[in-house]
Amino acid sequence: MNRLANKVAVVTGGNSGIGFATAKLFVTEGAHVVIVGRRADAVDAAVAELGHRAIGVTGDMADPQTHDKVAALVAERFGGADIYVANAGINTIASSDQVSHASFDAHFATNTKAVFFGVQTIAPHMRDGGAILLTSSIASNRVFDGHAVYAGTKAAIEAFARSWTLEFKSRGIRVNVISPGPVDTPILSKLGIASSDRPAFESAVAQSIPLGRLGRPEELARAALFLVSEEGSFVNGINLIVDGGRSLV
């Protein structure tokens, strides 16, 4: 339908999972997409699948130089950006008494500080009337075992979004948050769940979701498209929960 025809979008963490599904849908809808990821091989593979309307940047969002690199590329190649999706994030499950200083700092560096300075750096290069979307989590408002630090990082960016909604009002830039529930992405393996344990894990999680299954990355991508496109043109400052009803249980 070309709902993003000729728009320029940046998607951090765009080489896998929800980020990749979002980048893929944006390309399908006519956008030029810049994806950012930490692993060059994964970024290259994602760009190859996304096609000629995609460009990859390899870098750690916790590193300020990555923000500068992205902003410079967007300015030089496209003259600016219309959409910024701050999606990159990490999550290591651990009870609070087991969290190290290094792990705490890593979570806030990637999930919180990177979002703040990513937006700060790209904002001067965003066109008026654009859209910023931050990926949070239902963990910011629901208590899950071993998620205290992760939840804190996500609660912080939701506060950023509320402030930015007002700070960017003179430019007509909308700022929204999307909060996924359990989604079937590669991050499940990164949480330490062995492949042999996946079926039992997924079954247990599915039982806690009213719709009876995990979400799919493509479903989150469609929600993201609504929030950044003209279809969501009067939606501003909200946190859209996309969790199959998990937050109600």
C-alpha atoms as a PDB file:
ATOM      1  CA  MET A   1       0.000   0.000   0.000  1.00  0.00           C
ATOM      2  CA  ASN A   2       3.081   2.254   0.124  1.00  0.00           C
ATOM      3  CA  ARG A   3       2.082   3.770   3.453  1.00  0.00           C
ATOM      4  CA  LEU A   4       5.706   4.854   3.937  1.00  0.00           C
ATOM      5  CA  ALA A   5       6.479   5.834   0.362  1.00  0.00           C
ATOM      6  CA  ASN A   6       9.785   7.731   0.164  1.00  0.00           C
ATOM      7  CA  LYS A   7      10.100   7.919   3.959  1.00  0.00           C
ATOM      8  CA  VAL A   8      13.468   7.317   5.597  1.00  0.00           C
ATOM      9  CA  ALA A   9      13.425   5.133   8.685  1.00  0.00           C
ATOM     10  CA  VAL A  10      16.134   4.104  11.138  1.00  0.00           C
ATOM     11  CA  VAL A  11      15.575   0.859  13.057  1.00  0.00           C
ATOM     12  CA  THR A  12      18.084  -0.017  15.762  1.00  0.00           C
ATOM     13  CA  GLY A  13      18.441  -3.711  16.459  1.00  0.00           C
ATOM     14  CA  GLY A  14      17.036  -4.139  12.969  1.00  0.00           C
ATOM     15  CA  ASN A  15      18.939  -7.273  12.009  1.00  0.00           C
ATOM     16  CA  SER A  16      16.773  -9.783  13.894  1.00  0.00           C
ATOM     17  CA  GLY A  17      13.517 -10.397  15.728  1.00  0.00           C
ATOM     18  CA  ILE A  18      11.007  -7.577  16.048  1.00  0.00           C
ATOM     19  CA  GLY A  19      13.469  -5.063  14.615  1.00  0.00           C
ATOM     20  CA  PHE A  20      14.022  -7.066  11.445  1.00  0.00           C
ATOM     21  CA  ALA A  21      10.309  -7.745  10.970  1.00  0.00           C
ATOM     22  CA  THR A  22       9.673  -4.021  11.368  1.00  0.00           C
ATOM     23  CA  ALA A  23      12.402  -3.074   8.891  1.00  0.00           C
ATOM     24  CA  LYS A  24      11.059  -5.622   6.402  1.00  0.00           C
ATOM     25  CA  LEU A  25       7.516  -4.276   6.613  1.00  0.00           C
ATOM     26  CA  PHE A  26       8.742  -0.686   6.315  1.00  0.00           C
ATOM     27  CA  VAL A  27      10.637  -1.584   3.129  1.00  0.00           C
ATOM     28  CA  THR A  28       7.553  -3.317   1.760  1.00  0.00           C
ATOM     29  CA  GLU A  29       5.596  -0.136   2.473  1.00  0.00           C
ATOM     30  CA  GLY A  30       8.003   1.970   0.418  1.00  0.00           C
ATOM     31  CA  ALA A  31      10.518   3.270   2.953  1.00  0.00           C
ATOM     32  CA  HIS A  32      14.270   3.474   2.757  1.00  0.00           C
ATOM     33  CA  VAL A  33      15.469   1.772   5.939  1.00  0.00           C
ATOM     34  CA  VAL A  34      18.739   2.052   7.835  1.00  0.00           C
ATOM     35  CA  ILE A  35      19.191  -0.857  10.227  1.00  0.00           C
ATOM     36  CA  VAL A  36      21.745  -0.864  13.030  1.00  0.00           C
ATOM     37  CA  GLY A  37      23.182  -3.941  14.720  1.00  0.00           C
ATOM     38  CA  ARG A  38      26.251  -5.062  16.615  1.00  0.00           C
ATOM     39  CA  ARG A  39      27.294  -8.019  14.437  1.00  0.00           C
ATOM     40  CA  ALA A  40      28.476  -7.268  10.910  1.00  0.00           C
ATOM     41  CA  ASP A  41      27.541 -10.708   9.596  1.00  0.00           C
ATOM     42  CA  ALA A  42      23.990 -10.440  10.915  1.00  0.00           C
ATOM     43  CA  VAL A  43      23.582  -6.895   9.598  1.00  0.00           C
ATOM     44  CA  ASP A  44      24.895  -7.893   6.170  1.00  0.00           C
ATOM     45  CA  ALA A  45      22.571 -10.907   6.005  1.00  0.00           C
ATOM     46  CA  ALA A  46      19.598  -8.787   6.988  1.00  0.00           C
ATOM     47  CA  VAL A  47      20.372  -6.137   4.366  1.00  0.00           C
ATOM     48  CA  ALA A  48      20.743  -8.825   1.711  1.00  0.00           C
ATOM     49  CA  GLU A  49      17.254 -10.085   2.526  1.00  0.00           C
ATOM     50  CA  LEU A  50      15.716  -6.630   2.803  1.00  0.00           C
ATOM     51  CA  GLY A  51      16.981  -5.553  -0.596  1.00  0.00           C
ATOM     52  CA  HIS A  52      18.229  -2.377  -2.224  1.00  0.00           C
ATOM     53  CA  ARG A  53      16.098  -0.021  -0.118  1.00  0.00           C
ATOM     54  CA  ALA A  54      18.000  -1.053   3.014  1.00  0.00           C
ATOM     55  CA  ILE A  55      21.370   0.068   4.359  1.00  0.00           C
ATOM     56  CA  GLY A  56      23.181  -1.514   7.285  1.00  0.00           C
ATOM     57  CA  VAL A  57      25.305   0.118   9.966  1.00  0.00           C
ATOM     58  CA  THR A  58      27.380  -2.056  12.262  1.00  0.00           C
ATOM     59  CA  GLY A  59      27.838  -0.641  15.729  1.00  0.00           C
ATOM     60  CA  ASP A  60      26.928  -0.919  19.383  1.00  0.00           C
ATOM     61  CA  MET A  61      24.124   1.461  20.354  1.00  0.00           C
ATOM     62  CA  ALA A  62      25.800   1.818  23.754  1.00  0.00           C
ATOM     63  CA  ASP A  63      28.696   3.531  21.950  1.00  0.00           C
ATOM     64  CA  PRO A  64      28.055   7.241  21.208  1.00  0.00           C
ATOM     65  CA  GLN A  65      30.100   6.940  18.022  1.00  0.00           C
ATOM     66  CA  THR A  66      27.431   4.649  16.599  1.00  0.00           C
ATOM     67  CA  HIS A  67      24.822   7.397  16.974  1.00  0.00           C
ATOM     68  CA  ASP A  68      27.118   9.839  15.202  1.00  0.00           C
ATOM     69  CA  LYS A  69      27.709   7.348  12.398  1.00  0.00           C
ATOM     70  CA  VAL A  70      23.983   6.769  11.893  1.00  0.00           C
ATOM     71  CA  ALA A  71      23.143  10.475  11.927  1.00  0.00           C
ATOM     72  CA  ALA A  72      25.927  11.285   9.462  1.00  0.00           C
ATOM     73  CA  LEU A  73      24.823   8.546   7.067  1.00  0.00           C
ATOM     74  CA  VAL A  74      21.182   9.654   7.188  1.00  0.00           C
ATOM     75  CA  ALA A  75      22.113  13.291   6.616  1.00  0.00           C
ATOM     76  CA  GLU A  76      24.522  12.608   3.759  1.00  0.00           C
ATOM     77  CA  ARG A  77      22.536   9.915   1.953  1.00  0.00           C
ATOM     78  CA  PHE A  78      18.971  11.110   2.454  1.00  0.00           C
ATOM     79  CA  GLY A  79      19.119  14.643   3.808  1.00  0.00           C
ATOM     80  CA  GLY A  80      17.295  13.558   6.956  1.00  0.00           C
ATOM     81  CA  ALA A  81      15.066  10.925   8.529  1.00  0.00           C
ATOM     82  CA  ASP A  82      11.315  10.663   8.999  1.00  0.00           C
ATOM     83  CA  ILE A  83      11.114   7.743  11.421  1.00  0.00           C
ATOM     84  CA  TYR A  84      13.348   6.581  14.262  1.00  0.00           C
ATOM     85  CA  VAL A  85      12.654   3.247  15.941  1.00  0.00           C
ATOM     86  CA  ALA A  86      14.746   2.669  19.076  1.00  0.00           C
ATOM     87  CA  ASN A  87      14.408  -1.075  19.300  1.00  0.00           C
ATOM     88  CA  ALA A  88      17.815  -2.467  20.290  1.00  0.00           C
ATOM     89  CA  GLY A  89      17.914  -4.002  23.739  1.00  0.00           C
ATOM     90  CA  ILE A  90      19.333  -6.710  25.966  1.00  0.00           C
ATOM     91  CA  ASN A  91      17.907  -8.791  28.790  1.00  0.00           C
ATOM     92  CA  THR A  92      19.730 -11.111  31.164  1.00  0.00           C
ATOM     93  CA  ILE A  93      17.422 -12.785  33.655  1.00  0.00           C
ATOM     94  CA  ALA A  94      18.769 -12.754  37.201  1.00  0.00           C
ATOM     95  CA  SER A  95      17.405 -12.183  40.670  1.00  0.00           C
ATOM     96  CA  SER A  96      18.428  -8.847  42.131  1.00  0.00           C
ATOM     97  CA  ASP A  97      20.926 -10.407  44.537  1.00  0.00           C
ATOM     98  CA  GLN A  98      22.760 -11.946  41.580  1.00  0.00           C
ATOM     99  CA  VAL A  99      23.039  -8.814  39.420  1.00  0.00           C
ATOM    100  CA  SER A 100      26.610  -7.561  39.015  1.00  0.00           C
ATOM    101  CA  HIS A 101      27.616  -3.945  38.587  1.00  0.00           C
ATOM    102  CA  ALA A 102      28.794  -4.790  35.070  1.00  0.00           C
ATOM    103  CA  SER A 103      25.467  -6.368  34.118  1.00  0.00           C
ATOM    104  CA  PHE A 104      23.485  -3.472  35.582  1.00  0.00           C
ATOM    105  CA  ASP A 105      25.580  -0.934  33.692  1.00  0.00           C
ATOM    106  CA  ALA A 106      25.329  -2.914  30.441  1.00  0.00           C
ATOM    107  CA  HIS A 107      21.530  -3.039  30.622  1.00  0.00           C
ATOM    108  CA  PHE A 108      21.149   0.674  31.261  1.00  0.00           C
ATOM    109  CA  ALA A 109      23.789   1.531  28.647  1.00  0.00           C
ATOM    110  CA  THR A 110      21.990  -0.378  25.888  1.00  0.00           C
ATOM    111  CA  ASN A 111      18.345  -0.174  26.892  1.00  0.00           C
ATOM    112  CA  THR A 112      18.207   3.337  28.337  1.00  0.00           C
ATOM    113  CA  LYS A 113      21.230   5.554  27.721  1.00  0.00           C
ATOM    114  CA  ALA A 114      21.437   4.457  24.085  1.00  0.00           C
ATOM    115  CA  VAL A 115      17.778   5.339  23.539  1.00  0.00           C
ATOM    116  CA  PHE A 116      18.178   8.787  25.092  1.00  0.00           C
ATOM    117  CA  PHE A 117      21.292   9.762  23.172  1.00  0.00           C
ATOM    118  CA  GLY A 118      20.118   8.018  20.021  1.00  0.00           C
ATOM    119  CA  VAL A 119      17.100  10.313  19.934  1.00  0.00           C
ATOM    120  CA  GLN A 120      19.176  13.324  20.965  1.00  0.00           C
ATOM    121  CA  THR A 121      21.617  12.704  18.105  1.00  0.00           C
ATOM    122  CA  ILE A 122      19.106  11.928  15.365  1.00  0.00           C
ATOM    123  CA  ALA A 123      16.580  14.651  16.304  1.00  0.00           C
ATOM    124  CA  PRO A 124      18.370  17.502  14.490  1.00  0.00           C
ATOM    125  CA  HIS A 125      18.271  15.374  11.331  1.00  0.00           C
ATOM    126  CA  MET A 126      14.611  14.406  11.583  1.00  0.00           C
ATOM    127  CA  ARG A 127      12.105  16.153   9.385  1.00  0.00           C
ATOM    128  CA  ASP A 128       9.210  17.971  11.014  1.00  0.00           C
ATOM    129  CA  GLY A 129       6.117  15.790  11.203  1.00  0.00           C
ATOM    130  CA  GLY A 130       8.188  12.649  11.749  1.00  0.00           C
ATOM    131  CA  ALA A 131       7.695   9.836  14.236  1.00  0.00           C
ATOM    132  CA  ILE A 132       9.778   8.334  17.020  1.00  0.00           C
ATOM    133  CA  LEU A 133       8.936   4.892  18.380  1.00  0.00           C
ATOM    134  CA  LEU A 134      10.544   3.313  21.444  1.00  0.00           C
ATOM    135  CA  THR A 135      10.365  -0.411  22.154  1.00  0.00           C
ATOM    136  CA  SER A 136       9.592  -1.050  25.804  1.00  0.00           C
ATOM    137  CA  SER A 137       8.109  -4.171  27.407  1.00  0.00           C
ATOM    138  CA  ILE A 138       5.160  -5.210  29.525  1.00  0.00           C
ATOM    139  CA  ALA A 139       7.833  -5.972  32.146  1.00  0.00           C
ATOM    140  CA  SER A 140       7.902  -2.261  32.988  1.00  0.00           C
ATOM    141  CA  ASN A 141       4.474  -2.613  34.607  1.00  0.00           C
ATOM    142  CA  ARG A 142       4.300  -6.320  35.390  1.00  0.00           C
ATOM    143  CA  VAL A 143       6.580  -8.195  37.770  1.00  0.00           C
ATOM    144  CA  PHE A 144       8.440 -11.123  36.253  1.00  0.00           C
ATOM    145  CA  ASP A 145      11.073 -13.179  38.045  1.00  0.00           C
ATOM    146  CA  GLY A 146      14.598 -11.984  37.340  1.00  0.00           C
ATOM    147  CA  HIS A 147      13.513  -8.904  35.388  1.00  0.00           C
ATOM    148  CA  ALA A 148      14.072  -6.112  37.917  1.00  0.00           C
ATOM    149  CA  VAL A 149      16.920  -4.394  36.081  1.00  0.00           C
ATOM    150  CA  TYR A 150      15.397  -4.914  32.640  1.00  0.00           C
ATOM    151  CA  ALA A 151      12.069  -3.546  33.881  1.00  0.00           C
ATOM    152  CA  GLY A 152      13.814  -0.487  35.267  1.00  0.00           C
ATOM    153  CA  THR A 153      15.479   0.251  31.950  1.00  0.00           C
ATOM    154  CA  LYS A 154      12.169   0.066  30.135  1.00  0.00           C
ATOM    155  CA  ALA A 155      10.272   2.158  32.660  1.00  0.00           C
ATOM    156  CA  ALA A 156      12.862   4.879  32.138  1.00  0.00           C
ATOM    157  CA  ILE A 157      12.358   5.092  28.384  1.00  0.00           C
ATOM    158  CA  GLU A 158       8.610   5.308  28.853  1.00  0.00           C
ATOM    159  CA  ALA A 159       9.270   8.399  30.965  1.00  0.00           C
ATOM    160  CA  PHE A 160      11.508   9.758  28.203  1.00  0.00           C
ATOM    161  CA  ALA A 161       8.675   9.314  25.715  1.00  0.00           C
ATOM    162  CA  ARG A 162       6.249  11.334  27.802  1.00  0.00           C
ATOM    163  CA  SER A 163       8.701  14.217  28.042  1.00  0.00           C
ATOM    164  CA  TRP A 164       9.644  14.064  24.375  1.00  0.00           C
ATOM    165  CA  THR A 165       6.001  14.140  23.310  1.00  0.00           C
ATOM    166  CA  LEU A 166       5.873  17.686  24.668  1.00  0.00           C
ATOM    167  CA  GLU A 167       9.429  18.683  23.775  1.00  0.00           C
ATOM    168  CA  PHE A 168       8.881  17.893  20.086  1.00  0.00           C
ATOM    169  CA  LYS A 169       5.386  19.345  19.800  1.00  0.00           C
ATOM    170  CA  SER A 170       6.542  22.465  17.953  1.00  0.00           C
ATOM    171  CA  ARG A 171       8.002  20.259  15.226  1.00  0.00           C
ATOM    172  CA  GLY A 172       5.020  17.971  14.925  1.00  0.00           C
ATOM    173  CA  ILE A 173       7.142  14.921  15.727  1.00  0.00           C
ATOM    174  CA  ARG A 174       5.063  12.229  17.377  1.00  0.00           C
ATOM    175  CA  VAL A 175       6.600  10.026  20.079  1.00  0.00           C
ATOM    176  CA  ASN A 176       5.074   6.693  21.052  1.00  0.00           C
ATOM    177  CA  VAL A 177       6.025   3.485  22.826  1.00  0.00           C
ATOM    178  CA  ILE A 178       5.245  -0.106  21.929  1.00  0.00           C
ATOM    179  CA  SER A 179       5.349  -2.743  24.668  1.00  0.00           C
ATOM    180  CA  PRO A 180       5.513  -6.342  23.475  1.00  0.00           C
ATOM    181  CA  GLY A 181       4.584  -9.312  25.554  1.00  0.00           C
ATOM    182  CA  PRO A 182       6.237 -12.715  24.963  1.00  0.00           C
ATOM    183  CA  VAL A 183       7.247 -12.910  21.303  1.00  0.00           C
ATOM    184  CA  ASP A 184       8.828 -15.826  19.445  1.00  0.00           C
ATOM    185  CA  THR A 185      12.215 -14.293  18.539  1.00  0.00           C
ATOM    186  CA  PRO A 186      15.874 -15.372  18.784  1.00  0.00           C
ATOM    187  CA  ILE A 187      16.134 -13.555  22.111  1.00  0.00           C
ATOM    188  CA  LEU A 188      14.547 -16.605  23.756  1.00  0.00           C
ATOM    189  CA  SER A 189      17.725 -18.560  23.059  1.00  0.00           C
ATOM    190  CA  LYS A 190      19.824 -15.704  24.441  1.00  0.00           C
ATOM    191  CA  LEU A 191      17.923 -15.999  27.711  1.00  0.00           C
ATOM    192  CA  GLY A 192      19.606 -19.349  28.240  1.00  0.00           C
ATOM    193  CA  ILE A 193      16.730 -21.568  27.148  1.00  0.00           C
ATOM    194  CA  ALA A 194      18.117 -24.706  25.542  1.00  0.00           C
ATOM    195  CA  SER A 195      16.589 -25.738  22.222  1.00  0.00           C
ATOM    196  CA  SER A 196      15.443 -28.995  23.802  1.00  0.00           C
ATOM    197  CA  ASP A 197      13.529 -27.019  26.442  1.00  0.00           C
ATOM    198  CA  ARG A 198      11.887 -24.606  24.002  1.00  0.00           C
ATOM    199  CA  PRO A 199       8.656 -26.584  23.413  1.00  0.00           C
ATOM    200  CA  ALA A 200       7.947 -26.907  27.145  1.00  0.00           C
ATOM    201  CA  PHE A 201       8.873 -23.264  27.747  1.00  0.00           C
ATOM    202  CA  GLU A 202       6.685 -21.983  24.944  1.00  0.00           C
ATOM    203  CA  SER A 203       3.783 -24.141  26.095  1.00  0.00           C
ATOM    204  CA  ALA A 204       4.063 -22.809  29.652  1.00  0.00           C
ATOM    205  CA  VAL A 205       4.237 -19.198  28.463  1.00  0.00           C
ATOM    206  CA  ALA A 206       1.348 -19.696  26.039  1.00  0.00           C
ATOM    207  CA  GLN A 207      -0.863 -20.870  28.881  1.00  0.00           C
ATOM    208  CA  SER A 208      -0.356 -17.503  30.598  1.00  0.00           C
ATOM    209  CA  ILE A 209      -1.557 -15.564  27.533  1.00  0.00           C
ATOM    210  CA  PRO A 210      -5.302 -15.239  26.899  1.00  0.00           C
ATOM    211  CA  LEU A 211      -4.792 -15.783  23.161  1.00  0.00           C
ATOM    212  CA  GLY A 212      -2.995 -19.036  23.983  1.00  0.00           C
ATOM    213  CA  ARG A 213       0.246 -18.454  22.080  1.00  0.00           C
ATOM    214  CA  LEU A 214       3.367 -16.321  21.808  1.00  0.00           C
ATOM    215  CA  GLY A 215       3.303 -13.274  19.599  1.00  0.00           C
ATOM    216  CA  ARG A 216       4.938 -13.201  16.193  1.00  0.00           C
ATOM    217  CA  PRO A 217       7.460 -10.525  15.182  1.00  0.00           C
ATOM    218  CA  GLU A 218       5.285  -9.627  12.212  1.00  0.00           C
ATOM    219  CA  GLU A 219       2.416  -8.740  14.533  1.00  0.00           C
ATOM    220  CA  LEU A 220       4.595  -6.280  16.421  1.00  0.00           C
ATOM    221  CA  ALA A 221       5.807  -4.864  13.108  1.00  0.00           C
ATOM    222  CA  ARG A 222       2.232  -4.150  12.017  1.00  0.00           C
ATOM    223  CA  ALA A 223       1.580  -2.313  15.277  1.00  0.00           C
ATOM    224  CA  ALA A 224       4.776  -0.317  14.756  1.00  0.00           C
ATOM    225  CA  LEU A 225       3.693   0.575  11.217  1.00  0.00           C
ATOM    226  CA  PHE A 226       0.409   1.938  12.508  1.00  0.00           C
ATOM    227  CA  LEU A 227       2.173   4.146  15.054  1.00  0.00           C
ATOM    228  CA  VAL A 228       4.658   5.687  12.600  1.00  0.00           C
ATOM    229  CA  SER A 229       2.405   6.020   9.548  1.00  0.00           C
ATOM    230  CA  GLU A 230      -0.412   8.369   8.618  1.00  0.00           C
ATOM    231  CA  GLU A 231      -2.857   5.798   9.963  1.00  0.00           C
ATOM    232  CA  GLY A 232      -1.680   6.783  13.436  1.00  0.00           C
ATOM    233  CA  SER A 233      -1.301  10.483  12.692  1.00  0.00           C
ATOM    234  CA  PHE A 234      -3.295  11.594  15.758  1.00  0.00           C
ATOM    235  CA  VAL A 235      -1.742   9.045  18.123  1.00  0.00           C
ATOM    236  CA  ASN A 236       0.872  10.710  20.286  1.00  0.00           C
ATOM    237  CA  GLY A 237       2.420   9.968  23.676  1.00  0.00           C
ATOM    238  CA  ILE A 238       0.906   6.523  24.184  1.00  0.00           C
ATOM    239  CA  ASN A 239       2.244   3.140  25.211  1.00  0.00           C
ATOM    240  CA  LEU A 240       0.654   0.534  22.945  1.00  0.00           C
ATOM    241  CA  ILE A 241       0.662  -2.860  24.647  1.00  0.00           C
ATOM    242  CA  VAL A 242       0.823  -5.741  22.166  1.00  0.00           C
ATOM    243  CA  ASP A 243       0.793  -8.869  24.301  1.00  0.00           C
ATOM    244  CA  GLY A 244      -2.185 -11.046  23.474  1.00  0.00           C
ATOM    245  CA  GLY A 245      -3.766  -9.996  26.751  1.00  0.00           C
ATOM    246  CA  ARG A 246      -0.882 -11.160  28.979  1.00  0.00           C
ATOM    247  CA  SER A 247      -0.955  -7.962  31.054  1.00  0.00           C
ATOM    248  CA  LEU A 248      -4.467  -8.785  32.236  1.00  0.00           C
ATOM    249  CA  VAL A 249      -3.506 -12.076  33.856  1.00  0.00           C
END
